[in-house]
């Protein structure tokens, strides 16, 4: 990651001290509203429309890369409010790596096993430098299964590449989980957020969440960014993934998708072949 500077640019939304803490701990809770109210309400309405259109039998926790089929989402994904938040960490040249609505319905929302995002991306990009902005569409609390992170696990232990045990299909959002000997849930921090607030976390940090057995839905939108100096393995993922230049210029020789265009063929390929960029 880019080292914090002593003189942040005026548009940056994190201080040098906050960037230093993020780099050390692997996460940051941003207590301001990410977007102005009208803009946030527009995103929430767009999410509700996409949710209403889910095919029968598709779990709402699994709304991966919705921007491939709904390019209207780029008005939020490429917005200055978000890019000004990640630029102090990633630097001025930024690419959108992915996005994902993870919606736990009330009463039967699935558990998210302890995992590292980097486990699912290890063949996709080099180096593994991704910042996820986790935006609360609904309030996210301990009651309805908020995300929990284990601080400093991005730069200790297995450094984002733990060993995993298989889980029985269908009992959780993912079908594998970090081996118990390589995680310590007693150190976990609950990331409780009001609707419109967000957190940031390193792609290598260990995190997970409990099932939602409450009467309150819990939805978040994960918006994932990387330095434009990170290289996408396009030979491997070109059939099922696009990245997008969000700010600045390319530094890795990547090819980028067009944010004005929908890519339903990528979504169909992913669904058919079980590809999931998480």
Protein backbone atom coordinates (compact mmCIF):
# COMPACT_ATOMS: atom_id res chain seq x y z
CA UNK A 1 0.00 0.00 0.00
CA UNK A 2 1.04 3.62 -0.48
CA UNK A 3 2.63 5.08 2.63
CA UNK A 4 0.72 7.91 4.32
CA UNK A 5 1.99 11.42 3.65
CA UNK A 6 2.28 14.28 6.10
CA UNK A 7 0.29 16.63 3.87
CA UNK A 8 -2.93 15.00 2.66
CA UNK A 9 -4.63 16.49 -0.36
CA UNK A 10 -7.72 18.55 0.39
CA UNK A 11 -10.08 16.02 -1.15
CA UNK A 12 -8.80 13.08 0.90
CA UNK A 13 -11.31 11.75 3.43
CA UNK A 14 -8.77 9.99 5.66
CA UNK A 15 -6.03 11.64 7.70
CA UNK A 16 -2.44 10.35 7.62
CA UNK A 17 -2.99 8.97 11.13
CA UNK A 18 -6.06 7.05 9.97
CA UNK A 19 -4.17 5.65 7.00
CA UNK A 20 -1.34 4.55 9.27
CA UNK A 21 -3.83 2.84 11.58
CA UNK A 22 -5.54 1.16 8.62
CA UNK A 23 -2.22 -0.17 7.36
CA UNK A 24 -1.34 -1.48 10.83
CA UNK A 25 -4.71 -2.93 11.84
CA UNK A 26 -6.12 -3.89 8.43
CA UNK A 27 -9.41 -2.04 8.79
CA UNK A 28 -11.00 1.36 9.48
CA UNK A 29 -14.51 2.41 10.46
CA UNK A 30 -15.65 5.58 8.70
CA UNK A 31 -18.36 7.16 10.87
CA UNK A 32 -19.44 9.84 8.41
CA UNK A 33 -22.12 9.23 5.81
CA UNK A 34 -20.36 8.03 2.67
CA UNK A 35 -22.85 9.72 0.32
CA UNK A 36 -25.24 12.66 0.71
CA UNK A 37 -28.77 11.46 1.65
CA UNK A 38 -30.32 11.77 -1.81
CA UNK A 39 -27.42 9.90 -3.43
CA UNK A 40 -27.50 7.14 -0.82
CA UNK A 41 -31.26 6.77 -1.19
CA UNK A 42 -30.79 6.40 -4.95
CA UNK A 43 -28.34 3.55 -4.40
CA UNK A 44 -30.68 1.86 -1.94
CA UNK A 45 -33.58 2.12 -4.41
CA UNK A 46 -31.38 0.62 -7.14
CA UNK A 47 -30.45 -2.24 -4.82
CA UNK A 48 -34.11 -2.93 -3.97
CA UNK A 49 -34.90 -3.06 -7.69
CA UNK A 50 -32.09 -5.56 -8.32
CA UNK A 51 -33.14 -7.62 -5.30
CA UNK A 52 -36.74 -7.77 -6.54
CA UNK A 53 -35.48 -9.12 -9.87
CA UNK A 54 -33.48 -12.05 -8.47
CA UNK A 55 -34.27 -15.39 -10.04
CA UNK A 56 -36.16 -17.86 -7.90
CA UNK A 57 -33.81 -19.92 -5.76
CA UNK A 58 -30.95 -17.40 -5.80
CA UNK A 59 -29.85 -16.47 -2.29
CA UNK A 60 -29.64 -12.68 -1.73
CA UNK A 61 -26.25 -13.13 -0.06
CA UNK A 62 -24.87 -14.04 -3.49
CA UNK A 63 -25.45 -10.90 -5.56
CA UNK A 64 -21.92 -10.86 -6.94
CA UNK A 65 -20.65 -8.29 -9.48
CA UNK A 66 -24.08 -6.67 -10.05
CA UNK A 67 -22.40 -3.86 -11.99
CA UNK A 68 -21.76 -6.26 -14.88
CA UNK A 69 -25.50 -6.28 -15.59
CA UNK A 70 -26.46 -2.94 -14.03
CA UNK A 71 -24.03 -0.26 -15.21
CA UNK A 72 -26.13 2.37 -13.46
CA UNK A 73 -24.22 1.30 -10.33
CA UNK A 74 -21.11 3.07 -11.62
CA UNK A 75 -22.56 6.42 -10.58
CA UNK A 76 -21.77 5.25 -7.04
CA UNK A 77 -18.82 2.93 -7.68
CA UNK A 78 -16.83 5.65 -9.47
CA UNK A 79 -18.06 8.53 -7.33
CA UNK A 80 -15.61 11.01 -5.84
CA UNK A 81 -17.04 10.34 -2.36
CA UNK A 82 -15.71 6.78 -2.52
CA UNK A 83 -12.51 7.39 -4.47
CA UNK A 84 -11.51 10.21 -2.12
CA UNK A 85 -11.80 7.66 0.70
CA UNK A 86 -9.52 5.02 -0.84
CA UNK A 87 -7.02 7.31 -2.58
CA UNK A 88 -5.07 8.04 0.63
CA UNK A 89 -4.45 4.28 0.91
CA UNK A 90 -4.03 3.26 -2.72
CA UNK A 91 -2.61 6.39 -4.29
CA UNK A 92 -4.00 8.49 -7.18
CA UNK A 93 -4.22 5.70 -9.78
CA UNK A 94 -7.19 3.53 -8.84
CA UNK A 95 -9.05 0.64 -10.45
CA UNK A 96 -12.39 -0.85 -9.47
CA UNK A 97 -11.76 -4.54 -8.88
CA UNK A 98 -15.27 -5.78 -8.03
CA UNK A 99 -18.51 -5.20 -6.13
CA UNK A 100 -21.01 -7.40 -4.34
CA UNK A 101 -24.34 -6.91 -2.58
CA UNK A 102 -24.43 -9.26 0.38
CA UNK A 103 -27.94 -9.25 1.78
CA UNK A 104 -28.85 -11.39 4.78
CA UNK A 105 -32.64 -11.66 4.92
CA UNK A 106 -34.27 -11.45 8.30
CA UNK A 107 -34.79 -14.75 10.06
CA UNK A 108 -32.61 -16.97 7.89
CA UNK A 109 -29.62 -14.95 6.70
CA UNK A 110 -26.65 -17.23 6.19
CA UNK A 111 -23.43 -17.15 8.20
CA UNK A 112 -20.30 -15.87 6.47
CA UNK A 113 -17.46 -18.25 7.46
CA UNK A 114 -14.12 -16.95 8.65
CA UNK A 115 -12.19 -16.19 5.49
CA UNK A 116 -9.81 -13.87 3.69
CA UNK A 117 -10.99 -12.29 0.44
CA UNK A 118 -7.49 -12.91 -0.90
CA UNK A 119 -8.10 -16.67 -0.67
CA UNK A 120 -10.63 -16.34 -3.50
CA UNK A 121 -8.56 -13.88 -5.56
CA UNK A 122 -5.08 -15.41 -5.30
CA UNK A 123 -4.86 -16.34 -8.98
CA UNK A 124 -6.60 -13.19 -10.22
CA UNK A 125 -4.29 -10.30 -9.32
CA UNK A 126 -0.68 -9.51 -8.38
CA UNK A 127 0.19 -8.08 -5.91
CA UNK A 128 -2.70 -8.68 -3.51
CA UNK A 129 -3.54 -5.05 -2.67
CA UNK A 130 -7.29 -4.51 -2.47
CA UNK A 131 -9.29 -2.15 -0.26
CA UNK A 132 -12.94 -3.05 0.28
CA UNK A 133 -15.40 -0.31 1.17
CA UNK A 134 -18.24 -2.08 3.03
CA UNK A 135 -21.24 0.27 2.81
CA UNK A 136 -24.19 -0.42 5.07
CA UNK A 137 -27.42 -0.33 3.05
CA UNK A 138 -29.27 -1.34 6.22
CA UNK A 139 -28.10 -0.87 9.80
CA UNK A 140 -25.51 -3.56 10.53
CA UNK A 141 -25.27 -4.65 14.17
CA UNK A 142 -24.41 -7.65 16.31
CA UNK A 143 -28.14 -8.44 16.38
CA UNK A 144 -28.51 -8.95 12.61
CA UNK A 145 -25.09 -10.40 11.85
CA UNK A 146 -22.62 -7.56 11.27
CA UNK A 147 -19.14 -8.23 9.94
CA UNK A 148 -16.38 -9.09 12.41
CA UNK A 149 -12.70 -8.61 11.64
CA UNK A 150 -9.63 -10.00 13.39
CA UNK A 151 -7.16 -7.09 13.46
CA UNK A 152 -3.64 -7.40 12.09
CA UNK A 153 -4.24 -10.76 10.42
CA UNK A 154 -3.46 -9.16 7.04
CA UNK A 155 0.20 -8.77 8.00
CA UNK A 156 0.74 -11.66 10.42
CA UNK A 157 0.31 -15.43 10.34
CA UNK A 158 -0.47 -16.69 6.84
CA UNK A 159 -0.58 -13.13 5.41
CA UNK A 160 -3.93 -13.58 3.72
CA UNK A 161 -3.48 -17.15 2.53
CA UNK A 162 -4.60 -19.41 5.36
CA UNK A 163 -5.46 -23.09 5.01
CA UNK A 164 -9.14 -23.98 4.73
CA UNK A 165 -11.52 -26.80 5.62
CA UNK A 166 -14.44 -27.67 3.38
CA UNK A 167 -17.98 -27.02 4.63
CA UNK A 168 -21.17 -28.80 3.64
CA UNK A 169 -22.74 -26.96 0.68
CA UNK A 170 -25.60 -24.62 1.49
CA UNK A 171 -25.00 -24.11 5.20
CA UNK A 172 -23.09 -20.84 4.81
CA UNK A 173 -22.32 -18.20 2.20
CA UNK A 174 -19.06 -19.99 1.26
CA UNK A 175 -18.29 -23.70 1.19
CA UNK A 176 -15.00 -23.45 3.07
CA UNK A 177 -13.56 -21.82 6.18
CA UNK A 178 -10.15 -21.07 7.67
CA UNK A 179 -8.89 -23.92 9.82
CA UNK A 180 -9.62 -23.31 13.54
CA UNK A 181 -5.92 -23.43 14.44
CA UNK A 182 -5.26 -20.44 12.15
CA UNK A 183 -7.88 -18.04 13.52
CA UNK A 184 -8.68 -16.59 16.93
CA UNK A 185 -12.29 -15.30 17.09
CA UNK A 186 -11.73 -14.06 20.64
CA UNK A 187 -9.76 -11.17 19.11
CA UNK A 188 -12.53 -10.20 16.66
CA UNK A 189 -13.93 -6.67 16.46
CA UNK A 190 -17.61 -6.19 15.54
CA UNK A 191 -18.06 -3.60 12.78
CA UNK A 192 -21.42 -2.04 13.68
CA UNK A 193 -22.63 0.59 11.22
CA UNK A 194 -25.61 2.84 10.72
CA UNK A 195 -27.19 2.84 7.27
CA UNK A 196 -25.00 4.99 5.02
CA UNK A 197 -21.83 4.50 7.05
CA UNK A 198 -19.01 2.27 5.86
CA UNK A 199 -15.88 0.45 6.88
CA UNK A 200 -12.72 -0.29 4.95
CA UNK A 201 -10.73 -3.51 5.14
CA UNK A 202 -7.65 -5.02 3.56
CA UNK A 203 -8.33 -7.95 1.25
CA UNK A 204 -6.06 -10.18 3.35
CA UNK A 205 -7.67 -9.65 6.76
CA UNK A 206 -9.57 -12.52 8.41
CA UNK A 207 -13.25 -11.70 8.77
CA UNK A 208 -16.69 -13.30 8.93
CA UNK A 209 -20.17 -12.84 10.35
CA UNK A 210 -22.88 -14.68 12.24
CA UNK A 211 -26.20 -15.74 10.70
CA UNK A 212 -29.05 -13.26 10.77
CA UNK A 213 -31.78 -14.80 12.89
CA UNK A 214 -33.24 -11.41 13.81
CA UNK A 215 -36.30 -9.64 12.44
CA UNK A 216 -34.10 -6.99 10.75
CA UNK A 217 -32.59 -7.42 7.28
CA UNK A 218 -28.85 -6.78 6.93
CA UNK A 219 -27.52 -5.68 3.54
CA UNK A 220 -24.14 -4.25 2.65
CA UNK A 221 -22.57 -3.20 -0.64
CA UNK A 222 -18.90 -4.15 -0.95
CA UNK A 223 -17.04 -1.88 -3.36
CA UNK A 224 -13.54 -3.18 -3.99
CA UNK A 225 -10.64 -1.08 -5.26
CA UNK A 226 -7.00 -1.70 -6.08
CA UNK A 227 -4.07 0.37 -7.26
CA UNK A 228 -3.93 0.67 -11.03
CA UNK A 229 -0.42 -0.74 -10.60
CA UNK A 230 -1.90 -4.14 -9.69
CA UNK A 231 -1.86 -6.60 -12.59
CA UNK A 232 -4.97 -8.56 -13.53
CA UNK A 233 -4.33 -12.10 -14.78
CA UNK A 234 -6.44 -11.54 -17.87
CA UNK A 235 -5.43 -14.85 -19.48
CA UNK A 236 -7.13 -16.66 -16.60
CA UNK A 237 -10.06 -14.40 -15.74
CA UNK A 238 -10.82 -12.64 -19.01
CA UNK A 239 -13.87 -14.80 -19.66
CA UNK A 240 -15.55 -13.97 -16.37
CA UNK A 241 -14.19 -10.72 -14.96
CA UNK A 242 -13.64 -7.06 -15.83
CA UNK A 243 -11.88 -4.32 -13.95
CA UNK A 244 -12.45 -0.59 -14.52
CA UNK A 245 -10.12 2.39 -14.39
CA UNK A 246 -11.66 4.59 -11.73
CA UNK A 247 -9.17 7.45 -11.39
CA UNK A 248 -5.76 8.40 -12.73
CA UNK A 249 -3.97 6.18 -15.24
CA UNK A 250 -3.12 2.54 -15.79
CA UNK A 251 0.25 1.47 -14.35
CA UNK A 252 0.16 -2.28 -15.04
CA UNK A 253 -0.79 -2.74 -18.68
CA UNK A 254 -4.31 -3.87 -17.81
CA UNK A 255 -7.32 -3.83 -20.13
CA UNK A 256 -10.39 -2.15 -18.65
CA UNK A 257 -14.12 -2.53 -19.07
CA UNK A 258 -16.42 0.26 -20.23
CA UNK A 259 -18.58 1.53 -17.34
CA UNK A 260 -21.25 2.64 -19.82
CA UNK A 261 -21.70 -0.92 -21.09
CA UNK A 262 -23.42 -3.98 -19.58
CA UNK A 263 -21.65 -7.34 -19.75
CA UNK A 264 -24.38 -9.96 -19.32
CA UNK A 265 -22.22 -12.59 -21.02
CA UNK A 266 -19.73 -12.38 -18.14
CA UNK A 267 -22.52 -12.87 -15.62
CA UNK A 268 -23.83 -15.87 -17.58
CA UNK A 269 -20.34 -17.43 -17.75
CA UNK A 270 -19.86 -16.98 -14.00
CA UNK A 271 -23.24 -18.52 -13.22
CA UNK A 272 -22.64 -21.49 -15.54
CA UNK A 273 -19.10 -22.24 -14.38
CA UNK A 274 -19.40 -21.32 -10.72
CA UNK A 275 -16.93 -18.46 -10.95
CA UNK A 276 -17.03 -16.10 -8.00
CA UNK A 277 -14.66 -13.18 -7.55
CA UNK A 278 -16.25 -12.73 -4.12
